[in-house]
Amino acid sequence: MRKEWWLLLLAGVLEVVWVSGLKYAATWWEWVITISIILLSFKVFIEAAARLPLGTVYVIFTGLGTAGTVIVEILIFDEPAKPLKLMFIALMAAGVLGLKLATKDEDSNEQAGEA
């Protein structure tokens, strides 16, 4: 997997962290950490978007953030794991995977055309 995809994965993980920080930060230093992670997340997102199709990057970034946040809420913060919620997270994950696979094919076709 290329570096850009790892950057996108990192940006998604950082999004999960800062979204949780927005909900649970209570002290000034927790807010400083949360804001720092927001800035880092968007910096990494922008680096990935510079090398990959922006629409794909945005959908994957928000999808990873959304699914990751729901999973963290269930596993760490004792939110109820409702079957319908899990089904929609699985559906979103399938869409994200499909976009990644489709983008890989487009990247390969572009590179083959350049050679």
PDB file of N, CA and C in Angstrom:
ATOM      1  N   MET A   1       0.844  -1.173   0.000  1.00  0.00           N
ATOM      2  CA  MET A   1       0.000   0.000   0.000  1.00  0.00           C
ATOM      3  C   MET A   1       0.893   1.242   0.000  1.00  0.00           C
ATOM      4  N   ARG A   2       0.516   2.220  -0.820  1.00  0.00           N
ATOM      5  CA  ARG A   2       1.323   3.430  -0.952  1.00  0.00           C
ATOM      6  C   ARG A   2       1.209   4.322   0.272  1.00  0.00           C
ATOM      7  N   LYS A   3       2.209   5.184   0.425  1.00  0.00           N
ATOM      8  CA  LYS A   3       2.298   6.094   1.574  1.00  0.00           C
ATOM      9  C   LYS A   3       1.037   6.942   1.729  1.00  0.00           C
ATOM     10  N   GLU A   4       0.445   7.382   0.625  1.00  0.00           N
ATOM     11  CA  GLU A   4      -0.730   8.248   0.676  1.00  0.00           C
ATOM     12  C   GLU A   4      -1.891   7.584   1.398  1.00  0.00           C
ATOM     13  N   TRP A   5      -2.037   6.271   1.187  1.00  0.00           N
ATOM     14  CA  TRP A   5      -3.126   5.544   1.840  1.00  0.00           C
ATOM     15  C   TRP A   5      -2.868   5.417   3.339  1.00  0.00           C
ATOM     16  N   TRP A   6      -1.604   5.249   3.709  1.00  0.00           N
ATOM     17  CA  TRP A   6      -1.266   5.206   5.144  1.00  0.00           C
ATOM     18  C   TRP A   6      -1.524   6.562   5.791  1.00  0.00           C
ATOM     19  N   LEU A   7      -1.216   7.639   5.084  1.00  0.00           N
ATOM     20  CA  LEU A   7      -1.502   8.978   5.599  1.00  0.00           C
ATOM     21  C   LEU A   7      -3.006   9.165   5.802  1.00  0.00           C
ATOM     22  N   LEU A   8      -3.785   8.690   4.846  1.00  0.00           N
ATOM     23  CA  LEU A   8      -5.234   8.802   4.953  1.00  0.00           C
ATOM     24  C   LEU A   8      -5.762   8.000   6.141  1.00  0.00           C
ATOM     25  N   LEU A   9      -5.230   6.809   6.342  1.00  0.00           N
ATOM     26  CA  LEU A   9      -5.623   5.999   7.501  1.00  0.00           C
ATOM     27  C   LEU A   9      -5.267   6.716   8.799  1.00  0.00           C
ATOM     28  N   LEU A  10      -4.071   7.289   8.858  1.00  0.00           N
ATOM     29  CA  LEU A  10      -3.655   8.042  10.046  1.00  0.00           C
ATOM     30  C   LEU A  10      -4.578   9.233  10.286  1.00  0.00           C
ATOM     31  N   ALA A  11      -4.941   9.951   9.237  1.00  0.00           N
ATOM     32  CA  ALA A  11      -5.849  11.093   9.379  1.00  0.00           C
ATOM     33  C   ALA A  11      -7.194  10.645   9.928  1.00  0.00           C
ATOM     34  N   GLY A  12      -7.685   9.501   9.473  1.00  0.00           N
ATOM     35  CA  GLY A  12      -8.949   8.966   9.984  1.00  0.00           C
ATOM     36  C   GLY A  12      -8.867   8.590  11.453  1.00  0.00           C
ATOM     37  N   VAL A  13      -7.771   7.982  11.848  1.00  0.00           N
ATOM     38  CA  VAL A  13      -7.576   7.618  13.263  1.00  0.00           C
ATOM     39  C   VAL A  13      -7.500   8.882  14.120  1.00  0.00           C
ATOM     40  N   LEU A  14      -6.764   9.874  13.643  1.00  0.00           N
ATOM     41  CA  LEU A  14      -6.673  11.133  14.383  1.00  0.00           C
ATOM     42  C   LEU A  14      -8.038  11.815  14.493  1.00  0.00           C
ATOM     43  N   GLU A  15      -8.860  11.669  13.467  1.00  0.00           N
ATOM     44  CA  GLU A  15     -10.206  12.243  13.533  1.00  0.00           C
ATOM     45  C   GLU A  15     -11.019  11.600  14.652  1.00  0.00           C
ATOM     46  N   VAL A  16     -10.905  10.300  14.801  1.00  0.00           N
ATOM     47  CA  VAL A  16     -11.613   9.605  15.883  1.00  0.00           C
ATOM     48  C   VAL A  16     -11.166  10.156  17.235  1.00  0.00           C
ATOM     49  N   VAL A  17      -9.868  10.381  17.382  1.00  0.00           N
ATOM     50  CA  VAL A  17      -9.330  10.894  18.648  1.00  0.00           C
ATOM     51  C   VAL A  17      -9.859  12.289  18.932  1.00  0.00           C
ATOM     52  N   TRP A  18      -9.822  13.196  17.931  1.00  0.00           N
ATOM     53  CA  TRP A  18     -10.253  14.564  18.228  1.00  0.00           C
ATOM     54  C   TRP A  18     -11.753  14.685  18.387  1.00  0.00           C
ATOM     55  N   VAL A  19     -12.526  13.846  17.697  1.00  0.00           N
ATOM     56  CA  VAL A  19     -13.984  13.878  17.900  1.00  0.00           C
ATOM     57  C   VAL A  19     -14.315  13.453  19.326  1.00  0.00           C
ATOM     58  N   SER A  20     -13.641  12.427  19.814  1.00  0.00           N
ATOM     59  CA  SER A  20     -13.832  12.016  21.211  1.00  0.00           C
ATOM     60  C   SER A  20     -13.369  13.122  22.154  1.00  0.00           C
ATOM     61  N   GLY A  21     -12.283  13.796  21.787  1.00  0.00           N
ATOM     62  CA  GLY A  21     -11.798  14.916  22.595  1.00  0.00           C
ATOM     63  C   GLY A  21     -12.810  16.039  22.683  1.00  0.00           C
ATOM     64  N   LEU A  22     -13.507  16.323  21.568  1.00  0.00           N
ATOM     65  CA  LEU A  22     -14.531  17.368  21.595  1.00  0.00           C
ATOM     66  C   LEU A  22     -15.642  17.031  22.587  1.00  0.00           C
ATOM     67  N   LYS A  23     -15.942  15.754  22.695  1.00  0.00           N
ATOM     68  CA  LYS A  23     -17.034  15.333  23.579  1.00  0.00           C
ATOM     69  C   LYS A  23     -16.601  15.266  25.042  1.00  0.00           C
ATOM     70  N   TYR A  24     -15.374  14.818  25.284  1.00  0.00           N
ATOM     71  CA  TYR A  24     -14.976  14.494  26.658  1.00  0.00           C
ATOM     72  C   TYR A  24     -13.951  15.446  27.273  1.00  0.00           C
ATOM     73  N   ALA A  25     -13.402  16.382  26.515  1.00  0.00           N
ATOM     74  CA  ALA A  25     -12.414  17.308  27.083  1.00  0.00           C
ATOM     75  C   ALA A  25     -13.082  18.190  28.136  1.00  0.00           C
ATOM     76  N   ALA A  26     -12.411  18.313  29.285  1.00  0.00           N
ATOM     77  CA  ALA A  26     -12.989  19.089  30.382  1.00  0.00           C
ATOM     78  C   ALA A  26     -12.024  20.152  30.918  1.00  0.00           C
ATOM     79  N   THR A  27     -10.735  19.937  30.743  1.00  0.00           N
ATOM     80  CA  THR A  27      -9.759  20.882  31.282  1.00  0.00           C
ATOM     81  C   THR A  27      -9.081  21.619  30.126  1.00  0.00           C
ATOM     82  N   TRP A  28      -8.393  22.706  30.461  1.00  0.00           N
ATOM     83  CA  TRP A  28      -7.758  23.499  29.406  1.00  0.00           C
ATOM     84  C   TRP A  28      -6.723  22.683  28.658  1.00  0.00           C
ATOM     85  N   TRP A  29      -5.951  21.842  29.330  1.00  0.00           N
ATOM     86  CA  TRP A  29      -4.901  21.089  28.648  1.00  0.00           C
ATOM     87  C   TRP A  29      -5.494  19.989  27.770  1.00  0.00           C
ATOM     88  N   GLU A  30      -6.664  19.438  28.136  1.00  0.00           N
ATOM     89  CA  GLU A  30      -7.329  18.470  27.260  1.00  0.00           C
ATOM     90  C   GLU A  30      -7.810  19.167  25.982  1.00  0.00           C
ATOM     91  N   TRP A  31      -8.258  20.421  26.111  1.00  0.00           N
ATOM     92  CA  TRP A  31      -8.663  21.189  24.939  1.00  0.00           C
ATOM     93  C   TRP A  31      -7.465  21.523  24.052  1.00  0.00           C
ATOM     94  N   VAL A  32      -6.335  21.816  24.653  1.00  0.00           N
ATOM     95  CA  VAL A  32      -5.123  22.101  23.872  1.00  0.00           C
ATOM     96  C   VAL A  32      -4.714  20.848  23.080  1.00  0.00           C
ATOM     97  N   ILE A  33      -4.753  19.705  23.729  1.00  0.00           N
ATOM     98  CA  ILE A  33      -4.421  18.444  23.044  1.00  0.00           C
ATOM     99  C   ILE A  33      -5.405  18.183  21.911  1.00  0.00           C
ATOM    100  N   THR A  34      -6.695  18.369  22.182  1.00  0.00           N
ATOM    101  CA  THR A  34      -7.725  18.134  21.165  1.00  0.00           C
ATOM    102  C   THR A  34      -7.516  19.041  19.957  1.00  0.00           C
ATOM    103  N   ILE A  35      -7.281  20.321  20.194  1.00  0.00           N
ATOM    104  CA  ILE A  35      -7.069  21.267  19.092  1.00  0.00           C
ATOM    105  C   ILE A  35      -5.802  20.918  18.316  1.00  0.00           C
ATOM    106  N   SER A  36      -4.759  20.499  19.015  1.00  0.00           N
ATOM    107  CA  SER A  36      -3.520  20.089  18.340  1.00  0.00           C
ATOM    108  C   SER A  36      -3.755  18.884  17.446  1.00  0.00           C
ATOM    109  N   ILE A  37      -4.552  17.937  17.930  1.00  0.00           N
ATOM    110  CA  ILE A  37      -4.843  16.743  17.127  1.00  0.00           C
ATOM    111  C   ILE A  37      -5.713  17.096  15.926  1.00  0.00           C
ATOM    112  N   ILE A  38      -6.634  18.051  16.090  1.00  0.00           N
ATOM    113  CA  ILE A  38      -7.434  18.517  14.951  1.00  0.00           C
ATOM    114  C   ILE A  38      -6.513  19.067  13.865  1.00  0.00           C
ATOM    115  N   LEU A  39      -5.591  19.931  14.257  1.00  0.00           N
ATOM    116  CA  LEU A  39      -4.671  20.530  13.285  1.00  0.00           C
ATOM    117  C   LEU A  39      -3.804  19.473  12.609  1.00  0.00           C
ATOM    118  N   LEU A  40      -3.284  18.539  13.385  1.00  0.00           N
ATOM    119  CA  LEU A  40      -2.463  17.459  12.813  1.00  0.00           C
ATOM    120  C   LEU A  40      -3.286  16.594  11.868  1.00  0.00           C
ATOM    121  N   SER A  41      -4.509  16.281  12.260  1.00  0.00           N
ATOM    122  CA  SER A  41      -5.381  15.456  11.425  1.00  0.00           C
ATOM    123  C   SER A  41      -5.604  16.097  10.066  1.00  0.00           C
ATOM    124  N   PHE A  42      -5.892  17.400  10.055  1.00  0.00           N
ATOM    125  CA  PHE A  42      -6.134  18.067   8.782  1.00  0.00           C
ATOM    126  C   PHE A  42      -4.856  18.255   7.978  1.00  0.00           C
ATOM    127  N   LYS A  43      -3.731  18.402   8.634  1.00  0.00           N
ATOM    128  CA  LYS A  43      -2.450  18.474   7.915  1.00  0.00           C
ATOM    129  C   LYS A  43      -2.181  17.164   7.179  1.00  0.00           C
ATOM    130  N   VAL A  44      -2.387  16.050   7.869  1.00  0.00           N
ATOM    131  CA  VAL A  44      -2.181  14.732   7.260  1.00  0.00           C
ATOM    132  C   VAL A  44      -3.210  14.509   6.142  1.00  0.00           C
ATOM    133  N   PHE A  45      -4.460  14.920   6.386  1.00  0.00           N
ATOM    134  CA  PHE A  45      -5.513  14.810   5.373  1.00  0.00           C
ATOM    135  C   PHE A  45      -5.117  15.569   4.104  1.00  0.00           C
ATOM    136  N   ILE A  46      -4.622  16.781   4.258  1.00  0.00           N
ATOM    137  CA  ILE A  46      -4.228  17.604   3.112  1.00  0.00           C
ATOM    138  C   ILE A  46      -3.066  16.963   2.351  1.00  0.00           C
ATOM    139  N   GLU A  47      -2.121  16.363   3.070  1.00  0.00           N
ATOM    140  CA  GLU A  47      -1.009  15.674   2.404  1.00  0.00           C
ATOM    141  C   GLU A  47      -1.520  14.496   1.568  1.00  0.00           C
ATOM    142  N   ALA A  48      -2.462  13.734   2.120  1.00  0.00           N
ATOM    143  CA  ALA A  48      -3.023  12.603   1.364  1.00  0.00           C
ATOM    144  C   ALA A  48      -3.825  13.114   0.168  1.00  0.00           C
ATOM    145  N   ALA A  49      -4.587  14.194   0.363  1.00  0.00           N
ATOM    146  CA  ALA A  49      -5.425  14.739  -0.712  1.00  0.00           C
ATOM    147  C   ALA A  49      -4.602  15.312  -1.852  1.00  0.00           C
ATOM    148  N   ALA A  50      -3.372  15.702  -1.576  1.00  0.00           N
ATOM    149  CA  ALA A  50      -2.511  16.239  -2.629  1.00  0.00           C
ATOM    150  C   ALA A  50      -2.081  15.146  -3.605  1.00  0.00           C
ATOM    151  N   ARG A  51      -2.145  13.897  -3.181  1.00  0.00           N
ATOM    152  CA  ARG A  51      -1.639  12.798  -4.013  1.00  0.00           C
ATOM    153  C   ARG A  51      -2.717  11.816  -4.479  1.00  0.00           C
ATOM    154  N   LEU A  52      -3.911  11.911  -3.906  1.00  0.00           N
ATOM    155  CA  LEU A  52      -5.007  11.010  -4.253  1.00  0.00           C
ATOM    156  C   LEU A  52      -6.206  11.837  -4.695  1.00  0.00           C
ATOM    157  N   PRO A  53      -7.186  11.214  -5.379  1.00  0.00           N
ATOM    158  CA  PRO A  53      -8.382  11.957  -5.779  1.00  0.00           C
ATOM    159  C   PRO A  53      -9.123  12.518  -4.556  1.00  0.00           C
ATOM    160  N   LEU A  54      -9.425  13.793  -4.584  1.00  0.00           N
ATOM    161  CA  LEU A  54      -9.980  14.475  -3.423  1.00  0.00           C
ATOM    162  C   LEU A  54     -11.309  13.882  -2.973  1.00  0.00           C
ATOM    163  N   GLY A  55     -12.191  13.572  -3.902  1.00  0.00           N
ATOM    164  CA  GLY A  55     -13.488  12.995  -3.523  1.00  0.00           C
ATOM    165  C   GLY A  55     -13.325  11.694  -2.768  1.00  0.00           C
ATOM    166  N   THR A  56     -12.442  10.856  -3.248  1.00  0.00           N
ATOM    167  CA  THR A  56     -12.178   9.575  -2.588  1.00  0.00           C
ATOM    168  C   THR A  56     -11.569   9.797  -1.213  1.00  0.00           C
ATOM    169  N   VAL A  57     -10.613  10.702  -1.128  1.00  0.00           N
ATOM    170  CA  VAL A  57      -9.960  10.990   0.152  1.00  0.00           C
ATOM    171  C   VAL A  57     -10.971  11.482   1.169  1.00  0.00           C
ATOM    172  N   TYR A  58     -11.845  12.396   0.751  1.00  0.00           N
ATOM    173  CA  TYR A  58     -12.810  12.962   1.680  1.00  0.00           C
ATOM    174  C   TYR A  58     -13.793  11.905   2.178  1.00  0.00           C
ATOM    175  N   VAL A  59     -14.306  11.085   1.276  1.00  0.00           N
ATOM    176  CA  VAL A  59     -15.263  10.050   1.670  1.00  0.00           C
ATOM    177  C   VAL A  59     -14.609   9.048   2.615  1.00  0.00           C
ATOM    178  N   ILE A  60     -13.400   8.637   2.312  1.00  0.00           N
ATOM    179  CA  ILE A  60     -12.716   7.676   3.171  1.00  0.00           C
ATOM    180  C   ILE A  60     -12.387   8.301   4.525  1.00  0.00           C
ATOM    181  N   PHE A  61     -11.923   9.537   4.536  1.00  0.00           N
ATOM    182  CA  PHE A  61     -11.598  10.243   5.778  1.00  0.00           C
ATOM    183  C   PHE A  61     -12.825  10.337   6.681  1.00  0.00           C
ATOM    184  N   THR A  62     -13.931  10.790   6.128  1.00  0.00           N
ATOM    185  CA  THR A  62     -15.133  10.934   6.943  1.00  0.00           C
ATOM    186  C   THR A  62     -15.723   9.573   7.312  1.00  0.00           C
ATOM    187  N   GLY A  63     -15.624   8.608   6.405  1.00  0.00           N
ATOM    188  CA  GLY A  63     -16.123   7.267   6.704  1.00  0.00           C
ATOM    189  C   GLY A  63     -15.341   6.605   7.830  1.00  0.00           C
ATOM    190  N   LEU A  64     -14.011   6.696   7.741  1.00  0.00           N
ATOM    191  CA  LEU A  64     -13.182   6.141   8.821  1.00  0.00           C
ATOM    192  C   LEU A  64     -13.450   6.857  10.135  1.00  0.00           C
ATOM    193  N   GLY A  65     -13.594   8.168  10.060  1.00  0.00           N
ATOM    194  CA  GLY A  65     -13.872   8.934  11.273  1.00  0.00           C
ATOM    195  C   GLY A  65     -15.201   8.561  11.892  1.00  0.00           C
ATOM    196  N   THR A  66     -16.224   8.440  11.063  1.00  0.00           N
ATOM    197  CA  THR A  66     -17.551   8.099  11.559  1.00  0.00           C
ATOM    198  C   THR A  66     -17.589   6.687  12.131  1.00  0.00           C
ATOM    199  N   ALA A  67     -17.127   5.723  11.348  1.00  0.00           N
ATOM    200  CA  ALA A  67     -17.138   4.333  11.810  1.00  0.00           C
ATOM    201  C   ALA A  67     -16.240   4.166  13.031  1.00  0.00           C
ATOM    202  N   GLY A  68     -15.067   4.764  12.986  1.00  0.00           N
ATOM    203  CA  GLY A  68     -14.148   4.656  14.116  1.00  0.00           C
ATOM    204  C   GLY A  68     -14.711   5.261  15.387  1.00  0.00           C
ATOM    205  N   THR A  69     -15.386   6.406  15.240  1.00  0.00           N
ATOM    206  CA  THR A  69     -15.974   7.052  16.413  1.00  0.00           C
ATOM    207  C   THR A  69     -17.069   6.188  17.013  1.00  0.00           C
ATOM    208  N   VAL A  70     -17.914   5.609  16.184  1.00  0.00           N
ATOM    209  CA  VAL A  70     -18.975   4.734  16.691  1.00  0.00           C
ATOM    210  C   VAL A  70     -18.369   3.518  17.394  1.00  0.00           C
ATOM    211  N   ILE A  71     -17.355   2.929  16.799  1.00  0.00           N
ATOM    212  CA  ILE A  71     -16.718   1.747  17.399  1.00  0.00           C
ATOM    213  C   ILE A  71     -16.051   2.104  18.724  1.00  0.00           C
ATOM    214  N   VAL A  72     -15.353   3.231  18.775  1.00  0.00           N
ATOM    215  CA  VAL A  72     -14.716   3.670  20.028  1.00  0.00           C
ATOM    216  C   VAL A  72     -15.776   3.950  21.089  1.00  0.00           C
ATOM    217  N   GLU A  73     -16.867   4.582  20.699  1.00  0.00           N
ATOM    218  CA  GLU A  73     -17.944   4.847  21.652  1.00  0.00           C
ATOM    219  C   GLU A  73     -18.487   3.545  22.238  1.00  0.00           C
ATOM    220  N   ILE A  74     -18.618   2.525  21.403  1.00  0.00           N
ATOM    221  CA  ILE A  74     -19.137   1.233  21.870  1.00  0.00           C
ATOM    222  C   ILE A  74     -18.118   0.524  22.770  1.00  0.00           C
ATOM    223  N   LEU A  75     -16.858   0.454  22.312  1.00  0.00           N
ATOM    224  CA  LEU A  75     -15.841  -0.316  23.031  1.00  0.00           C
ATOM    225  C   LEU A  75     -15.307   0.376  24.286  1.00  0.00           C
ATOM    226  N   ILE A  76     -15.171   1.695  24.240  1.00  0.00           N
ATOM    227  CA  ILE A  76     -14.521   2.397  25.349  1.00  0.00           C
ATOM    228  C   ILE A  76     -15.517   3.141  26.234  1.00  0.00           C
ATOM    229  N   PHE A  77     -16.537   3.746  25.624  1.00  0.00           N
ATOM    230  CA  PHE A  77     -17.432   4.616  26.384  1.00  0.00           C
ATOM    231  C   PHE A  77     -18.809   4.000  26.641  1.00  0.00           C
ATOM    232  N   ASP A  78     -18.926   2.690  26.466  1.00  0.00           N
ATOM    233  CA  ASP A  78     -20.128   1.919  26.836  1.00  0.00           C
ATOM    234  C   ASP A  78     -21.425   2.373  26.166  1.00  0.00           C
ATOM    235  N   GLU A  79     -21.329   2.821  24.927  1.00  0.00           N
ATOM    236  CA  GLU A  79     -22.542   3.090  24.155  1.00  0.00           C
ATOM    237  C   GLU A  79     -23.155   1.746  23.771  1.00  0.00           C
ATOM    238  N   PRO A  80     -24.472   1.676  23.645  1.00  0.00           N
ATOM    239  CA  PRO A  80     -25.078   0.404  23.238  1.00  0.00           C
ATOM    240  C   PRO A  80     -24.723   0.035  21.799  1.00  0.00           C
ATOM    241  N   ALA A  81     -24.447  -1.240  21.574  1.00  0.00           N
ATOM    242  CA  ALA A  81     -24.103  -1.754  20.242  1.00  0.00           C
ATOM    243  C   ALA A  81     -25.366  -2.313  19.598  1.00  0.00           C
ATOM    244  N   LYS A  82     -26.139  -1.440  18.980  1.00  0.00           N
ATOM    245  CA  LYS A  82     -27.393  -1.858  18.359  1.00  0.00           C
ATOM    246  C   LYS A  82     -27.101  -2.503  17.004  1.00  0.00           C
ATOM    247  N   PRO A  83     -27.786  -3.612  16.694  1.00  0.00           N
ATOM    248  CA  PRO A  83     -27.525  -4.321  15.433  1.00  0.00           C
ATOM    249  C   PRO A  83     -27.671  -3.437  14.190  1.00  0.00           C
ATOM    250  N   LEU A  84     -28.666  -2.580  14.164  1.00  0.00           N
ATOM    251  CA  LEU A  84     -28.866  -1.727  12.999  1.00  0.00           C
ATOM    252  C   LEU A  84     -27.692  -0.756  12.829  1.00  0.00           C
ATOM    253  N   LYS A  85     -27.199  -0.225  13.935  1.00  0.00           N
ATOM    254  CA  LYS A  85     -26.048   0.675  13.895  1.00  0.00           C
ATOM    255  C   LYS A  85     -24.823  -0.063  13.345  1.00  0.00           C
ATOM    256  N   LEU A  86     -24.597  -1.281  13.813  1.00  0.00           N
ATOM    257  CA  LEU A  86     -23.464  -2.076  13.346  1.00  0.00           C
ATOM    258  C   LEU A  86     -23.598  -2.442  11.873  1.00  0.00           C
ATOM    259  N   MET A  87     -24.834  -2.706  11.434  1.00  0.00           N
ATOM    260  CA  MET A  87     -25.058  -3.032  10.030  1.00  0.00           C
ATOM    261  C   MET A  87     -24.686  -1.844   9.136  1.00  0.00           C
ATOM    262  N   PHE A  88     -25.079  -0.643   9.548  1.00  0.00           N
ATOM    263  CA  PHE A  88     -24.759   0.535   8.742  1.00  0.00           C
ATOM    264  C   PHE A  88     -23.267   0.854   8.758  1.00  0.00           C
ATOM    265  N   ILE A  89     -22.601   0.596   9.872  1.00  0.00           N
ATOM    266  CA  ILE A  89     -21.142   0.770   9.915  1.00  0.00           C
ATOM    267  C   ILE A  89     -20.476  -0.217   8.950  1.00  0.00           C
ATOM    268  N   ALA A  90     -20.957  -1.460   8.926  1.00  0.00           N
ATOM    269  CA  ALA A  90     -20.408  -2.454   7.995  1.00  0.00           C
ATOM    270  C   ALA A  90     -20.660  -2.033   6.544  1.00  0.00           C
ATOM    271  N   LEU A  91     -21.829  -1.485   6.282  1.00  0.00           N
ATOM    272  CA  LEU A  91     -22.146  -1.009   4.936  1.00  0.00           C
ATOM    273  C   LEU A  91     -21.226   0.140   4.529  1.00  0.00           C
ATOM    274  N   MET A  92     -20.977   1.051   5.477  1.00  0.00           N
ATOM    275  CA  MET A  92     -20.065   2.159   5.196  1.00  0.00           C
ATOM    276  C   MET A  92     -18.648   1.636   4.961  1.00  0.00           C
ATOM    277  N   ALA A  93     -18.214   0.667   5.759  1.00  0.00           N
ATOM    278  CA  ALA A  93     -16.877   0.090   5.580  1.00  0.00           C
ATOM    279  C   ALA A  93     -16.756  -0.571   4.212  1.00  0.00           C
ATOM    280  N   ALA A  94     -17.807  -1.241   3.766  1.00  0.00           N
ATOM    281  CA  ALA A  94     -17.787  -1.860   2.435  1.00  0.00           C
ATOM    282  C   ALA A  94     -17.658  -0.790   1.352  1.00  0.00           C
ATOM    283  N   GLY A  95     -18.350   0.329   1.529  1.00  0.00           N
ATOM    284  CA  GLY A  95     -18.243   1.433   0.567  1.00  0.00           C
ATOM    285  C   GLY A  95     -16.856   2.033   0.535  1.00  0.00           C
ATOM    286  N   VAL A  96     -16.259   2.213   1.707  1.00  0.00           N
ATOM    287  CA  VAL A  96     -14.904   2.758   1.791  1.00  0.00           C
ATOM    288  C   VAL A  96     -13.920   1.806   1.114  1.00  0.00           C
ATOM    289  N   LEU A  97     -14.040   0.517   1.392  1.00  0.00           N
ATOM    290  CA  LEU A  97     -13.168  -0.477   0.757  1.00  0.00           C
ATOM    291  C   LEU A  97     -13.363  -0.465  -0.762  1.00  0.00           C
ATOM    292  N   GLY A  98     -14.614  -0.380  -1.205  1.00  0.00           N
ATOM    293  CA  GLY A  98     -14.887  -0.317  -2.635  1.00  0.00           C
ATOM    294  C   GLY A  98     -14.246   0.890  -3.290  1.00  0.00           C
ATOM    295  N   LEU A  99     -14.316   2.039  -2.629  1.00  0.00           N
ATOM    296  CA  LEU A  99     -13.678   3.241  -3.172  1.00  0.00           C
ATOM    297  C   LEU A  99     -12.165   3.079  -3.247  1.00  0.00           C
ATOM    298  N   LYS A 100     -11.592   2.470  -2.234  1.00  0.00           N
ATOM    299  CA  LYS A 100     -10.141   2.262  -2.225  1.00  0.00           C
ATOM    300  C   LYS A 100      -9.737   1.356  -3.383  1.00  0.00           C
ATOM    301  N   LEU A 101     -10.490   0.281  -3.565  1.00  0.00           N
ATOM    302  CA  LEU A 101     -10.178  -0.647  -4.652  1.00  0.00           C
ATOM    303  C   LEU A 101     -10.384   0.003  -6.018  1.00  0.00           C
ATOM    304  N   ALA A 102     -11.427   0.785  -6.172  1.00  0.00           N
ATOM    305  CA  ALA A 102     -11.690   1.461  -7.447  1.00  0.00           C
ATOM    306  C   ALA A 102     -10.620   2.506  -7.733  1.00  0.00           C
ATOM    307  N   THR A 103     -10.176   3.208  -6.709  1.00  0.00           N
ATOM    308  CA  THR A 103      -9.144   4.216  -6.895  1.00  0.00           C
ATOM    309  C   THR A 103      -7.819   3.559  -7.258  1.00  0.00           C
ATOM    310  N   LYS A 104      -7.532   2.408  -6.672  1.00  0.00           N
ATOM    311  CA  LYS A 104      -6.303   1.686  -7.000  1.00  0.00           C
ATOM    312  C   LYS A 104      -6.295   1.337  -8.485  1.00  0.00           C
ATOM    313  N   ASP A 105      -7.424   0.871  -9.005  1.00  0.00           N
ATOM    314  CA  ASP A 105      -7.504   0.530 -10.419  1.00  0.00           C
ATOM    315  C   ASP A 105      -7.298   1.761 -11.288  1.00  0.00           C
ATOM    316  N   GLU A 106      -7.879   2.900 -10.894  1.00  0.00           N
ATOM    317  CA  GLU A 106      -7.697   4.126 -11.670  1.00  0.00           C
ATOM    318  C   GLU A 106      -6.240   4.559 -11.656  1.00  0.00           C
ATOM    319  N   ASP A 107      -5.590   4.451 -10.491  1.00  0.00           N
ATOM    320  CA  ASP A 107      -4.166   4.821 -10.390  1.00  0.00           C
ATOM    321  C   ASP A 107      -3.324   3.932 -11.286  1.00  0.00           C
ATOM    322  N   SER A 108      -3.606   2.629 -11.302  1.00  0.00           N
ATOM    323  CA  SER A 108      -2.835   1.703 -12.136  1.00  0.00           C
ATOM    324  C   SER A 108      -3.039   2.004 -13.606  1.00  0.00           C
ATOM    325  N   ASN A 109      -4.291   2.320 -13.999  1.00  0.00           N
ATOM    326  CA  ASN A 109      -4.575   2.628 -15.402  1.00  0.00           C
ATOM    327  C   ASN A 109      -3.877   3.903 -15.843  1.00  0.00           C
ATOM    328  N   GLU A 110      -3.859   4.921 -14.956  1.00  0.00           N
ATOM    329  CA  GLU A 110      -3.176   6.168 -15.287  1.00  0.00           C
ATOM    330  C   GLU A 110      -1.688   5.939 -15.460  1.00  0.00           C
ATOM    331  N   GLN A 111      -1.083   5.140 -14.575  1.00  0.00           N
ATOM    332  CA  GLN A 111       0.345   4.872 -14.654  1.00  0.00           C
ATOM    333  C   GLN A 111       0.683   4.073 -15.897  1.00  0.00           C
ATOM    334  N   ALA A 112      -0.196   3.129 -16.261  1.00  0.00           N
ATOM    335  CA  ALA A 112       0.051   2.326 -17.453  1.00  0.00           C
ATOM    336  C   ALA A 112      -0.024   3.192 -18.703  1.00  0.00           C
ATOM    337  N   GLY A 113      -0.937   4.186 -18.708  1.00  0.00           N
ATOM    338  CA  GLY A 113      -1.057   5.079 -19.841  1.00  0.00           C
ATOM    339  C   GLY A 113       0.130   6.017 -19.986  1.00  0.00           C
ATOM    340  N   GLU A 114       0.776   6.345 -18.882  1.00  0.00           N
ATOM    341  CA  GLU A 114       1.940   7.237 -18.905  1.00  0.00           C
ATOM    342  C   GLU A 114       3.199   6.543 -19.371  1.00  0.00           C
ATOM    343  N   ALA A 115       3.257   5.216 -19.187  1.00  0.00           N
ATOM    344  CA  ALA A 115       4.485   4.476 -19.517  1.00  0.00           C
ATOM    345  C   ALA A 115       4.662   4.278 -20.997  1.00  0.00           C
TER     346      ALA A 115
END
